Full PDB file with SEQRES, HELIX, SHEET, SSBOND, CRYST1, ORIGX, SCALE, CONECT and MASTER records, all heavy atoms in Angstrom:
SEQRES   1 A   39  ILE ASP ALA ARG THR ARG GLU LEU SER GLU GLU ARG ALA          
SEQRES   2 A   39  ALA LEU GLN THR SER ASN GLU GLU LEU GLU ALA PHE ASN          
SEQRES   3 A   39  TYR SER VAL SER HIS ASP LEU MET THR PRO VAL ARG HIS          
HELIX    1 AA1 ASP A    2  SER A   30  1                                  29    
HELIX    2 AA2 MET A   34  ARG A   38  1                                   5    
CRYST1    1.000    1.000    1.000  90.00  90.00  90.00 P 1           1          
ORIGX1      1.000000  0.000000  0.000000        0.00000                         
ORIGX2      0.000000  1.000000  0.000000        0.00000                         
ORIGX3      0.000000  0.000000  1.000000        0.00000                         
SCALE1      1.000000  0.000000  0.000000        0.00000                         
SCALE2      0.000000  1.000000  0.000000        0.00000                         
SCALE3      0.000000  0.000000  1.000000        0.00000                         
ATOM      1  N   ILE A   1     -27.572 -10.698   5.156  1.00  0.00           N  
ATOM      2  CA  ILE A   1     -27.582  -9.735   4.110  1.00  0.00           C  
ATOM      3  C   ILE A   1     -26.817  -8.427   4.595  1.00  0.00           C  
ATOM      4  O   ILE A   1     -26.012  -7.869   3.799  1.00  0.00           O  
ATOM      5  CB  ILE A   1     -29.030  -9.380   3.809  1.00  0.00           C  
ATOM      6  CG1 ILE A   1     -29.723 -10.504   3.109  1.00  0.00           C  
ATOM      7  CG2 ILE A   1     -29.083  -8.106   2.877  1.00  0.00           C  
ATOM      8  CD1 ILE A   1     -31.199 -10.320   2.864  1.00  0.00           C  
ATOM      9  N   ASP A   2     -27.059  -8.052   5.853  1.00  0.00           N  
ATOM     10  CA  ASP A   2     -26.316  -6.904   6.341  1.00  0.00           C  
ATOM     11  C   ASP A   2     -24.799  -7.153   6.356  1.00  0.00           C  
ATOM     12  O   ASP A   2     -24.020  -6.290   5.956  1.00  0.00           O  
ATOM     13  CB  ASP A   2     -26.792  -6.570   7.781  1.00  0.00           C  
ATOM     14  CG  ASP A   2     -28.212  -6.028   7.825  1.00  0.00           C  
ATOM     15  OD1 ASP A   2     -28.714  -5.619   6.750  1.00  0.00           O  
ATOM     16  OD2 ASP A   2     -28.823  -6.021   8.911  1.00  0.00           O  
ATOM     17  N   ALA A   3     -24.467  -8.388   6.819  1.00  0.00           N  
ATOM     18  CA  ALA A   3     -23.004  -8.727   6.904  1.00  0.00           C  
ATOM     19  C   ALA A   3     -22.389  -8.720   5.474  1.00  0.00           C  
ATOM     20  O   ALA A   3     -21.343  -8.175   5.257  1.00  0.00           O  
ATOM     21  CB  ALA A   3     -22.829 -10.084   7.558  1.00  0.00           C  
ATOM     22  N   ARG A   4     -23.189  -9.290   4.555  1.00  0.00           N  
ATOM     23  CA  ARG A   4     -22.669  -9.406   3.157  1.00  0.00           C  
ATOM     24  C   ARG A   4     -22.610  -7.959   2.596  1.00  0.00           C  
ATOM     25  O   ARG A   4     -21.696  -7.644   1.827  1.00  0.00           O  
ATOM     26  CB  ARG A   4     -23.612 -10.229   2.290  1.00  0.00           C  
ATOM     27  CG  ARG A   4     -23.113 -10.397   0.872  1.00  0.00           C  
ATOM     28  CD  ARG A   4     -21.683 -10.975   0.865  1.00  0.00           C  
ATOM     29  NE  ARG A   4     -21.186 -11.130  -0.513  1.00  0.00           N  
ATOM     30  CZ  ARG A   4     -19.887 -11.093  -0.857  1.00  0.00           C  
ATOM     31  NH1 ARG A   4     -19.018 -10.974   0.080  1.00  0.00           N  
ATOM     32  NH2 ARG A   4     -19.574 -11.219  -2.095  1.00  0.00           N  
ATOM     33  N   THR A   5     -23.620  -7.117   2.952  1.00  0.00           N  
ATOM     34  CA  THR A   5     -23.597  -5.739   2.443  1.00  0.00           C  
ATOM     35  C   THR A   5     -22.352  -5.019   2.990  1.00  0.00           C  
ATOM     36  O   THR A   5     -21.688  -4.291   2.257  1.00  0.00           O  
ATOM     37  CB  THR A   5     -24.821  -5.035   2.908  1.00  0.00           C  
ATOM     38  OG1 THR A   5     -26.012  -5.693   2.364  1.00  0.00           O  
ATOM     39  CG2 THR A   5     -24.860  -3.562   2.395  1.00  0.00           C  
ATOM     40  N   ARG A   6     -22.071  -5.274   4.294  1.00  0.00           N  
ATOM     41  CA  ARG A   6     -20.863  -4.679   4.859  1.00  0.00           C  
ATOM     42  C   ARG A   6     -19.581  -5.184   4.181  1.00  0.00           C  
ATOM     43  O   ARG A   6     -18.661  -4.434   3.897  1.00  0.00           O  
ATOM     44  CB  ARG A   6     -20.816  -4.946   6.358  1.00  0.00           C  
ATOM     45  CG  ARG A   6     -21.793  -4.124   7.192  1.00  0.00           C  
ATOM     46  CD  ARG A   6     -21.484  -4.224   8.610  1.00  0.00           C  
ATOM     47  NE  ARG A   6     -21.495  -5.556   9.141  1.00  0.00           N  
ATOM     48  CZ  ARG A   6     -22.622  -6.142   9.622  1.00  0.00           C  
ATOM     49  NH1 ARG A   6     -23.757  -5.489   9.698  1.00  0.00           N  
ATOM     50  NH2 ARG A   6     -22.572  -7.411  10.061  1.00  0.00           N  
ATOM     51  N   GLU A   7     -19.614  -6.501   3.922  1.00  0.00           N  
ATOM     52  CA  GLU A   7     -18.463  -7.110   3.272  1.00  0.00           C  
ATOM     53  C   GLU A   7     -18.254  -6.466   1.853  1.00  0.00           C  
ATOM     54  O   GLU A   7     -17.121  -6.147   1.490  1.00  0.00           O  
ATOM     55  CB  GLU A   7     -18.588  -8.633   3.150  1.00  0.00           C  
ATOM     56  CG  GLU A   7     -18.510  -9.388   4.419  1.00  0.00           C  
ATOM     57  CD  GLU A   7     -18.834 -10.835   4.249  1.00  0.00           C  
ATOM     58  OE1 GLU A   7     -19.109 -11.256   3.099  1.00  0.00           O  
ATOM     59  OE2 GLU A   7     -18.832 -11.618   5.286  1.00  0.00           O  
ATOM     60  N   LEU A   8     -19.406  -6.320   1.106  1.00  0.00           N  
ATOM     61  CA  LEU A   8     -19.267  -5.726  -0.205  1.00  0.00           C  
ATOM     62  C   LEU A   8     -18.779  -4.303  -0.061  1.00  0.00           C  
ATOM     63  O   LEU A   8     -18.008  -3.811  -0.899  1.00  0.00           O  
ATOM     64  CB  LEU A   8     -20.612  -5.811  -0.925  1.00  0.00           C  
ATOM     65  CG  LEU A   8     -21.140  -7.191  -1.288  1.00  0.00           C  
ATOM     66  CD1 LEU A   8     -22.503  -7.138  -1.871  1.00  0.00           C  
ATOM     67  CD2 LEU A   8     -20.123  -7.823  -2.307  1.00  0.00           C  
ATOM     68  N   SER A   9     -19.297  -3.578   0.924  1.00  0.00           N  
ATOM     69  CA  SER A   9     -18.852  -2.225   1.153  1.00  0.00           C  
ATOM     70  C   SER A   9     -17.363  -2.205   1.441  1.00  0.00           C  
ATOM     71  O   SER A   9     -16.644  -1.337   0.939  1.00  0.00           O  
ATOM     72  CB  SER A   9     -19.687  -1.601   2.267  1.00  0.00           C  
ATOM     73  OG  SER A   9     -19.219  -0.239   2.486  1.00  0.00           O  
ATOM     74  N   GLU A  10     -16.934  -3.110   2.317  1.00  0.00           N  
ATOM     75  CA  GLU A  10     -15.521  -3.148   2.674  1.00  0.00           C  
ATOM     76  C   GLU A  10     -14.706  -3.537   1.476  1.00  0.00           C  
ATOM     77  O   GLU A  10     -13.607  -2.992   1.250  1.00  0.00           O  
ATOM     78  CB  GLU A  10     -15.321  -4.124   3.847  1.00  0.00           C  
ATOM     79  CG  GLU A  10     -15.933  -3.651   5.165  1.00  0.00           C  
ATOM     80  CD  GLU A  10     -15.930  -4.730   6.233  1.00  0.00           C  
ATOM     81  OE1 GLU A  10     -15.517  -5.869   5.909  1.00  0.00           O  
ATOM     82  OE2 GLU A  10     -16.385  -4.441   7.325  1.00  0.00           O  
ATOM     83  N   GLU A  11     -15.273  -4.472   0.699  1.00  0.00           N  
ATOM     84  CA  GLU A  11     -14.552  -4.889  -0.476  1.00  0.00           C  
ATOM     85  C   GLU A  11     -14.431  -3.760  -1.477  1.00  0.00           C  
ATOM     86  O   GLU A  11     -13.343  -3.511  -2.127  1.00  0.00           O  
ATOM     87  CB  GLU A  11     -15.206  -6.108  -1.144  1.00  0.00           C  
ATOM     88  CG  GLU A  11     -15.088  -7.369  -0.351  1.00  0.00           C  
ATOM     89  CD  GLU A  11     -15.941  -8.487  -0.938  1.00  0.00           C  
ATOM     90  OE1 GLU A  11     -16.560  -8.262  -1.960  1.00  0.00           O  
ATOM     91  OE2 GLU A  11     -15.944  -9.569  -0.327  1.00  0.00           O  
ATOM     92  N   ARG A  12     -15.500  -2.960  -1.623  1.00  0.00           N  
ATOM     93  CA  ARG A  12     -15.446  -1.788  -2.464  1.00  0.00           C  
ATOM     94  C   ARG A  12     -14.443  -0.809  -2.012  1.00  0.00           C  
ATOM     95  O   ARG A  12     -13.653  -0.198  -2.739  1.00  0.00           O  
ATOM     96  CB  ARG A  12     -16.835  -1.169  -2.632  1.00  0.00           C  
ATOM     97  CG  ARG A  12     -17.772  -1.937  -3.517  1.00  0.00           C  
ATOM     98  CD  ARG A  12     -18.995  -1.089  -3.844  1.00  0.00           C  
ATOM     99  NE  ARG A  12     -19.813  -0.775  -2.699  1.00  0.00           N  
ATOM    100  CZ  ARG A  12     -20.831  -1.539  -2.268  1.00  0.00           C  
ATOM    101  NH1 ARG A  12     -21.121  -2.619  -2.940  1.00  0.00           N  
ATOM    102  NH2 ARG A  12     -21.530  -1.197  -1.203  1.00  0.00           N  
ATOM    103  N   ALA A  13     -14.479  -0.593  -0.636  1.00  0.00           N  
ATOM    104  CA  ALA A  13     -13.555   0.329  -0.007  1.00  0.00           C  
ATOM    105  C   ALA A  13     -12.103  -0.154  -0.215  1.00  0.00           C  
ATOM    106  O   ALA A  13     -11.196   0.622  -0.563  1.00  0.00           O  
ATOM    107  CB  ALA A  13     -13.795   0.540   1.456  1.00  0.00           C  
ATOM    108  N   ALA A  14     -11.914  -1.446  -0.043  1.00  0.00           N  
ATOM    109  CA  ALA A  14     -10.572  -2.037  -0.216  1.00  0.00           C  
ATOM    110  C   ALA A  14     -10.146  -1.918  -1.698  1.00  0.00           C  
ATOM    111  O   ALA A  14      -8.955  -1.612  -1.994  1.00  0.00           O  
ATOM    112  CB  ALA A  14     -10.556  -3.544   0.230  1.00  0.00           C  
ATOM    113  N   LEU A  15     -11.109  -2.164  -2.613  1.00  0.00           N  
ATOM    114  CA  LEU A  15     -10.770  -2.022  -4.011  1.00  0.00           C  
ATOM    115  C   LEU A  15     -10.411  -0.583  -4.350  1.00  0.00           C  
ATOM    116  O   LEU A  15      -9.437  -0.346  -5.112  1.00  0.00           O  
ATOM    117  CB  LEU A  15     -11.940  -2.494  -4.898  1.00  0.00           C  
ATOM    118  CG  LEU A  15     -11.757  -2.419  -6.343  1.00  0.00           C  
ATOM    119  CD1 LEU A  15     -10.607  -3.331  -6.779  1.00  0.00           C  
ATOM    120  CD2 LEU A  15     -13.043  -2.895  -7.102  1.00  0.00           C  
ATOM    121  N   GLN A  16     -11.188   0.335  -3.772  1.00  0.00           N  
ATOM    122  CA  GLN A  16     -10.886   1.720  -4.020  1.00  0.00           C  
ATOM    123  C   GLN A  16      -9.482   2.059  -3.473  1.00  0.00           C  
ATOM    124  O   GLN A  16      -8.705   2.771  -4.110  1.00  0.00           O  
ATOM    125  CB  GLN A  16     -11.953   2.618  -3.385  1.00  0.00           C  
ATOM    126  CG  GLN A  16     -11.705   4.082  -3.605  1.00  0.00           C  
ATOM    127  CD  GLN A  16     -12.823   4.962  -3.003  1.00  0.00           C  
ATOM    128  OE1 GLN A  16     -13.783   4.436  -2.472  1.00  0.00           O  
ATOM    129  NE2 GLN A  16     -12.676   6.268  -3.036  1.00  0.00           N  
ATOM    130  N   THR A  17      -9.225   1.499  -2.231  1.00  0.00           N  
ATOM    131  CA  THR A  17      -7.898   1.809  -1.619  1.00  0.00           C  
ATOM    132  C   THR A  17      -6.800   1.197  -2.518  1.00  0.00           C  
ATOM    133  O   THR A  17      -5.730   1.818  -2.766  1.00  0.00           O  
ATOM    134  CB  THR A  17      -7.854   1.200  -0.246  1.00  0.00           C  
ATOM    135  OG1 THR A  17      -8.840   1.844   0.579  1.00  0.00           O  
ATOM    136  CG2 THR A  17      -6.488   1.458   0.373  1.00  0.00           C  
ATOM    137  N   SER A  18      -7.092  -0.038  -2.979  1.00  0.00           N  
ATOM    138  CA  SER A  18      -6.105  -0.675  -3.838  1.00  0.00           C  
ATOM    139  C   SER A  18      -5.898   0.105  -5.079  1.00  0.00           C  
ATOM    140  O   SER A  18      -4.721   0.259  -5.532  1.00  0.00           O  
ATOM    141  CB  SER A  18      -6.550  -2.091  -4.141  1.00  0.00           C  
ATOM    142  OG  SER A  18      -5.645  -2.773  -5.017  1.00  0.00           O  
ATOM    143  N   ASN A  19      -6.949   0.611  -5.655  1.00  0.00           N  
ATOM    144  CA  ASN A  19      -6.807   1.394  -6.915  1.00  0.00           C  
ATOM    145  C   ASN A  19      -6.028   2.689  -6.642  1.00  0.00           C  
ATOM    146  O   ASN A  19      -5.155   3.100  -7.457  1.00  0.00           O  
ATOM    147  CB  ASN A  19      -8.142   1.750  -7.475  1.00  0.00           C  
ATOM    148  CG  ASN A  19      -8.883   0.560  -8.071  1.00  0.00           C  
ATOM    149  OD1 ASN A  19      -8.178  -0.397  -8.464  1.00  0.00           O  
ATOM    150  ND2 ASN A  19     -10.178   0.608  -8.125  1.00  0.00           N  
ATOM    151  N   GLU A  20      -6.331   3.327  -5.452  1.00  0.00           N  
ATOM    152  CA  GLU A  20      -5.602   4.530  -5.114  1.00  0.00           C  
ATOM    153  C   GLU A  20      -4.105   4.224  -4.922  1.00  0.00           C  
ATOM    154  O   GLU A  20      -3.257   4.982  -5.319  1.00  0.00           O  
ATOM    155  CB  GLU A  20      -6.183   5.112  -3.823  1.00  0.00           C  
ATOM    156  CG  GLU A  20      -7.599   5.668  -4.041  1.00  0.00           C  
ATOM    157  CD  GLU A  20      -8.214   6.119  -2.680  1.00  0.00           C  
ATOM    158  OE1 GLU A  20      -7.598   5.846  -1.684  1.00  0.00           O  
ATOM    159  OE2 GLU A  20      -9.312   6.685  -2.738  1.00  0.00           O  
ATOM    160  N   GLU A  21      -3.859   3.066  -4.179  1.00  0.00           N  
ATOM    161  CA  GLU A  21      -2.472   2.711  -4.005  1.00  0.00           C  
ATOM    162  C   GLU A  21      -1.743   2.369  -5.317  1.00  0.00           C  
ATOM    163  O   GLU A  21      -0.589   2.652  -5.499  1.00  0.00           O  
ATOM    164  CB  GLU A  21      -2.375   1.516  -3.052  1.00  0.00           C  
ATOM    165  CG  GLU A  21      -2.802   1.822  -1.632  1.00  0.00           C  
ATOM    166  CD  GLU A  21      -2.766   0.669  -0.684  1.00  0.00           C  
ATOM    167  OE1 GLU A  21      -2.572  -0.480  -1.222  1.00  0.00           O  
ATOM    168  OE2 GLU A  21      -2.839   0.812   0.504  1.00  0.00           O  
ATOM    169  N   LEU A  22      -2.529   1.725  -6.209  1.00  0.00           N  
ATOM    170  CA  LEU A  22      -1.962   1.380  -7.529  1.00  0.00           C  
ATOM    171  C   LEU A  22      -1.595   2.693  -8.312  1.00  0.00           C  
ATOM    172  O   LEU A  22      -0.526   2.814  -8.895  1.00  0.00           O  
ATOM    173  CB  LEU A  22      -2.923   0.578  -8.333  1.00  0.00           C  
ATOM    174  CG  LEU A  22      -2.460   0.127  -9.738  1.00  0.00           C  
ATOM    175  CD1 LEU A  22      -1.132  -0.679  -9.611  1.00  0.00           C  
ATOM    176  CD2 LEU A  22      -3.512  -0.681 -10.480  1.00  0.00           C  
ATOM    177  N   GLU A  23      -2.470   3.667  -8.197  1.00  0.00           N  
ATOM    178  CA  GLU A  23      -2.242   4.938  -8.836  1.00  0.00           C  
ATOM    179  C   GLU A  23      -1.023   5.598  -8.216  1.00  0.00           C  
ATOM    180  O   GLU A  23      -0.151   6.175  -8.894  1.00  0.00           O  
ATOM    181  CB  GLU A  23      -3.461   5.847  -8.788  1.00  0.00           C  
ATOM    182  CG  GLU A  23      -4.627   5.402  -9.591  1.00  0.00           C  
ATOM    183  CD  GLU A  23      -5.830   6.299  -9.385  1.00  0.00           C  
ATOM    184  OE1 GLU A  23      -5.738   7.267  -8.642  1.00  0.00           O  
ATOM    185  OE2 GLU A  23      -6.938   5.998  -9.960  1.00  0.00           O  
ATOM    186  N   ALA A  24      -1.023   5.564  -6.872  1.00  0.00           N  
ATOM    187  CA  ALA A  24       0.153   6.153  -6.192  1.00  0.00           C  
ATOM    188  C   ALA A  24       1.453   5.432  -6.538  1.00  0.00           C  
ATOM    189  O   ALA A  24       2.515   6.007  -6.703  1.00  0.00           O  
ATOM    190  CB  ALA A  24      -0.075   6.134  -4.655  1.00  0.00           C  
ATOM    191  N   PHE A  25       1.349   4.090  -6.677  1.00  0.00           N  
ATOM    192  CA  PHE A  25       2.521   3.304  -7.043  1.00  0.00           C  
ATOM    193  C   PHE A  25       3.007   3.719  -8.439  1.00  0.00           C  
ATOM    194  O   PHE A  25       4.220   3.859  -8.687  1.00  0.00           O  
ATOM    195  CB  PHE A  25       2.145   1.823  -7.005  1.00  0.00           C  
ATOM    196  CG  PHE A  25       3.269   0.928  -7.371  1.00  0.00           C  
ATOM    197  CD1 PHE A  25       4.283   0.597  -6.465  1.00  0.00           C  
ATOM    198  CD2 PHE A  25       3.373   0.391  -8.655  1.00  0.00           C  
ATOM    199  CE1 PHE A  25       5.343  -0.200  -6.877  1.00  0.00           C  
ATOM    200  CE2 PHE A  25       4.419  -0.450  -9.049  1.00  0.00           C  
ATOM    201  CZ  PHE A  25       5.389  -0.729  -8.139  1.00  0.00           C  
ATOM    202  N   ASN A  26       2.039   3.821  -9.327  1.00  0.00           N  
ATOM    203  CA  ASN A  26       2.395   4.242 -10.718  1.00  0.00           C  
ATOM    204  C   ASN A  26       3.083   5.622 -10.695  1.00  0.00           C  
ATOM    205  O   ASN A  26       4.066   5.867 -11.399  1.00  0.00           O  
ATOM    206  CB  ASN A  26       1.197   4.289 -11.600  1.00  0.00           C  
ATOM    207  CG  ASN A  26       0.625   2.876 -11.854  1.00  0.00           C  
ATOM    208  OD1 ASN A  26       1.400   1.896 -11.785  1.00  0.00           O  
ATOM    209  ND2 ASN A  26      -0.632   2.779 -12.172  1.00  0.00           N  
ATOM    210  N   TYR A  27       2.505   6.496  -9.881  1.00  0.00           N  
ATOM    211  CA  TYR A  27       3.146   7.814  -9.715  1.00  0.00           C  
ATOM    212  C   TYR A  27       4.517   7.701  -9.186  1.00  0.00           C  
ATOM    213  O   TYR A  27       5.476   8.398  -9.663  1.00  0.00           O  
ATOM    214  CB  TYR A  27       2.255   8.737  -8.868  1.00  0.00           C  
ATOM    215  CG  TYR A  27       2.849  10.075  -8.581  1.00  0.00           C  
ATOM    216  CD1 TYR A  27       2.792  11.104  -9.555  1.00  0.00           C  
ATOM    217  CD2 TYR A  27       3.531  10.316  -7.412  1.00  0.00           C  
ATOM    218  CE1 TYR A  27       3.368  12.329  -9.324  1.00  0.00           C  
ATOM    219  CE2 TYR A  27       4.117  11.552  -7.159  1.00  0.00           C  
ATOM    220  CZ  TYR A  27       4.022  12.576  -8.128  1.00  0.00           C  
ATOM    221  OH  TYR A  27       4.592  13.776  -7.824  1.00  0.00           O  
ATOM    222  N   SER A  28       4.610   6.860  -8.073  1.00  0.00           N  
ATOM    223  CA  SER A  28       5.948   6.734  -7.487  1.00  0.00           C  
ATOM    224  C   SER A  28       6.990   6.200  -8.468  1.00  0.00           C  
ATOM    225  O   SER A  28       8.117   6.630  -8.519  1.00  0.00           O  
ATOM    226  CB  SER A  28       5.905   5.823  -6.243  1.00  0.00           C  
ATOM    227  OG  SER A  28       7.137   5.620  -5.649  1.00  0.00           O  
ATOM    228  N   VAL A  29       6.510   5.224  -9.189  1.00  0.00           N  
ATOM    229  CA  VAL A  29       7.468   4.582 -10.230  1.00  0.00           C  
ATOM    230  C   VAL A  29       7.918   5.654 -11.248  1.00  0.00           C  
ATOM    231  O   VAL A  29       9.086   5.726 -11.583  1.00  0.00           O  
ATOM    232  CB  VAL A  29       6.823   3.383 -10.923  1.00  0.00           C  
ATOM    233  CG1 VAL A  29       7.706   2.962 -12.099  1.00  0.00           C  
ATOM    234  CG2 VAL A  29       6.650   2.254  -9.908  1.00  0.00           C  
ATOM    235  N   SER A  30       6.937   6.479 -11.591  1.00  0.00           N  
ATOM    236  CA  SER A  30       7.184   7.479 -12.677  1.00  0.00           C  
ATOM    237  C   SER A  30       7.837   8.737 -12.098  1.00  0.00           C  
ATOM    238  O   SER A  30       8.425   9.534 -12.834  1.00  0.00           O  
ATOM    239  CB  SER A  30       5.909   7.832 -13.355  1.00  0.00           C  
ATOM    240  OG  SER A  30       5.018   8.450 -12.467  1.00  0.00           O  
ATOM    241  N   HIS A  31       7.746   8.936 -10.781  1.00  0.00           N  
ATOM    242  CA  HIS A  31       8.276  10.156 -10.199  1.00  0.00           C  
ATOM    243  C   HIS A  31       9.353   9.870  -9.153  1.00  0.00           C  
ATOM    244  O   HIS A  31      10.534  10.213  -9.324  1.00  0.00           O  
ATOM    245  CB  HIS A  31       7.152  10.990  -9.612  1.00  0.00           C  
ATOM    246  CG  HIS A  31       7.605  12.327  -9.106  1.00  0.00           C  
ATOM    247  ND1 HIS A  31       8.016  12.491  -7.769  1.00  0.00           N  
ATOM    248  CD2 HIS A  31       7.742  13.547  -9.684  1.00  0.00           C  
ATOM    249  CE1 HIS A  31       8.404  13.749  -7.616  1.00  0.00           C  
ATOM    250  NE2 HIS A  31       8.187  14.442  -8.763  1.00  0.00           N  
ATOM    251  N   ASP A  32       8.866   9.264  -8.049  1.00  0.00           N  
ATOM    252  CA  ASP A  32       9.856   9.037  -6.918  1.00  0.00           C  
ATOM    253  C   ASP A  32      11.015   8.173  -7.271  1.00  0.00           C  
ATOM    254  O   ASP A  32      12.143   8.451  -6.842  1.00  0.00           O  
ATOM    255  CB  ASP A  32       9.106   8.458  -5.712  1.00  0.00           C  
ATOM    256  CG  ASP A  32       8.078   9.433  -5.095  1.00  0.00           C  
ATOM    257  OD1 ASP A  32       7.908  10.557  -5.685  1.00  0.00           O  
ATOM    258  OD2 ASP A  32       7.504   9.106  -4.036  1.00  0.00           O  
ATOM    259  N   LEU A  33      10.741   7.044  -8.067  1.00  0.00           N  
ATOM    260  CA  LEU A  33      11.864   6.249  -8.407  1.00  0.00           C  
ATOM    261  C   LEU A  33      12.668   6.852  -9.577  1.00  0.00           C  
ATOM    262  O   LEU A  33      13.897   6.698  -9.661  1.00  0.00           O  
ATOM    263  CB  LEU A  33      11.375   4.838  -8.805  1.00  0.00           C  
ATOM    264  CG  LEU A  33      10.880   3.945  -7.651  1.00  0.00           C  
ATOM    265  CD1 LEU A  33      10.364   2.631  -8.158  1.00  0.00           C  
ATOM    266  CD2 LEU A  33      12.019   3.702  -6.646  1.00  0.00           C  
ATOM    267  N   MET A  34      11.984   7.492 -10.536  1.00  0.00           N  
ATOM    268  CA  MET A  34      12.672   8.018 -11.643  1.00  0.00           C  
ATOM    269  C   MET A  34      13.569   9.162 -11.239  1.00  0.00           C  
ATOM    270  O   MET A  34      14.609   9.417 -11.883  1.00  0.00           O  
ATOM    271  CB  MET A  34      11.672   8.511 -12.721  1.00  0.00           C  
ATOM    272  CG  MET A  34      10.975   7.307 -13.421  1.00  0.00           C  
ATOM    273  SD  MET A  34      12.086   6.110 -14.123  1.00  0.00           S  
ATOM    274  CE  MET A  34      12.901   7.147 -15.418  1.00  0.00           C  
ATOM    275  N   THR A  35      13.225   9.919 -10.206  1.00  0.00           N  
ATOM    276  CA  THR A  35      13.999  11.086  -9.786  1.00  0.00           C  
ATOM    277  C   THR A  35      15.420  10.650  -9.415  1.00  0.00           C  
ATOM    278  O   THR A  35      16.415  11.185  -9.954  1.00  0.00           O  
ATOM    279  CB  THR A  35      13.367  11.840  -8.605  1.00  0.00           C  
ATOM    280  OG1 THR A  35      12.102  12.416  -9.110  1.00  0.00           O  
ATOM    281  CG2 THR A  35      14.218  13.012  -8.144  1.00  0.00           C  
ATOM    282  N   PRO A  36      15.562   9.668  -8.417  1.00  0.00           N  
ATOM    283  CA  PRO A  36      16.932   9.234  -8.123  1.00  0.00           C  
ATOM    284  C   PRO A  36      17.626   8.544  -9.345  1.00  0.00           C  
ATOM    285  O   PRO A  36      18.814   8.606  -9.505  1.00  0.00           O  
ATOM    286  CB  PRO A  36      16.754   8.258  -6.991  1.00  0.00           C  
ATOM    287  CG  PRO A  36      15.317   7.897  -6.960  1.00  0.00           C  
ATOM    288  CD  PRO A  36      14.586   9.038  -7.595  1.00  0.00           C  
ATOM    289  N   VAL A  37      16.799   7.868 -10.218  1.00  0.00           N  
ATOM    290  CA  VAL A  37      17.437   7.264 -11.363  1.00  0.00           C  
ATOM    291  C   VAL A  37      18.040   8.334 -12.241  1.00  0.00           C  
ATOM    292  O   VAL A  37      19.239   8.200 -12.769  1.00  0.00           O  
ATOM    293  CB  VAL A  37      16.391   6.465 -12.154  1.00  0.00           C  
ATOM    294  CG1 VAL A  37      16.972   6.063 -13.543  1.00  0.00           C  
ATOM    295  CG2 VAL A  37      16.002   5.195 -11.338  1.00  0.00           C  
ATOM    296  N   ARG A  38      17.322   9.419 -12.487  1.00  0.00           N  
ATOM    297  CA  ARG A  38      17.845  10.513 -13.305  1.00  0.00           C  
ATOM    298  C   ARG A  38      19.062  11.157 -12.649  1.00  0.00           C  
ATOM    299  O   ARG A  38      20.088  11.538 -13.311  1.00  0.00           O  
ATOM    300  CB  ARG A  38      16.761  11.537 -13.520  1.00  0.00           C  
ATOM    301  CG  ARG A  38      15.671  11.108 -14.506  1.00  0.00           C  
ATOM    302  CD  ARG A  38      14.819  12.318 -14.953  1.00  0.00           C  
ATOM    303  NE  ARG A  38      14.064  12.851 -13.828  1.00  0.00           N  
ATOM    304  CZ  ARG A  38      12.809  12.407 -13.550  1.00  0.00           C  
ATOM    305  NH1 ARG A  38      12.255  11.491 -14.298  1.00  0.00           N  
ATOM    306  NH2 ARG A  38      12.190  12.977 -12.555  1.00  0.00           N  
ATOM    307  N   HIS A  39      19.019  11.232 -11.251  1.00  0.00           N  
ATOM    308  CA  HIS A  39      20.196  11.768 -10.589  1.00  0.00           C  
ATOM    309  C   HIS A  39      21.385  10.865 -10.779  1.00  0.00           C  
ATOM    310  O   HIS A  39      22.546  11.356 -11.037  1.00  0.00           O  
ATOM    311  CB  HIS A  39      19.847  11.934  -9.049  1.00  0.00           C  
ATOM    312  CG  HIS A  39      19.049  13.089  -8.764  1.00  0.00           C  
ATOM    313  ND1 HIS A  39      18.789  13.533  -7.484  1.00  0.00           N  
ATOM    314  CD2 HIS A  39      18.394  13.984  -9.561  1.00  0.00           C  
ATOM    315  CE1 HIS A  39      18.015  14.579  -7.478  1.00  0.00           C  
ATOM    316  NE2 HIS A  39      17.761  14.876  -8.738  1.00  0.00           N  
TER     317      HIS A  39                                                      
MASTER        0    0    0    2    0    0    0    6  316    1    0    3          
END                                                                             
């Protein structure tokens, strides 16, 4: 149970990280990539 709880916690953390990275990716696509495209 403890191991599974840790796994779920890690999975939640990984999911949160993935969501954060997805948000950052969306921002990068809309900002970092679009800036040189506009240039």
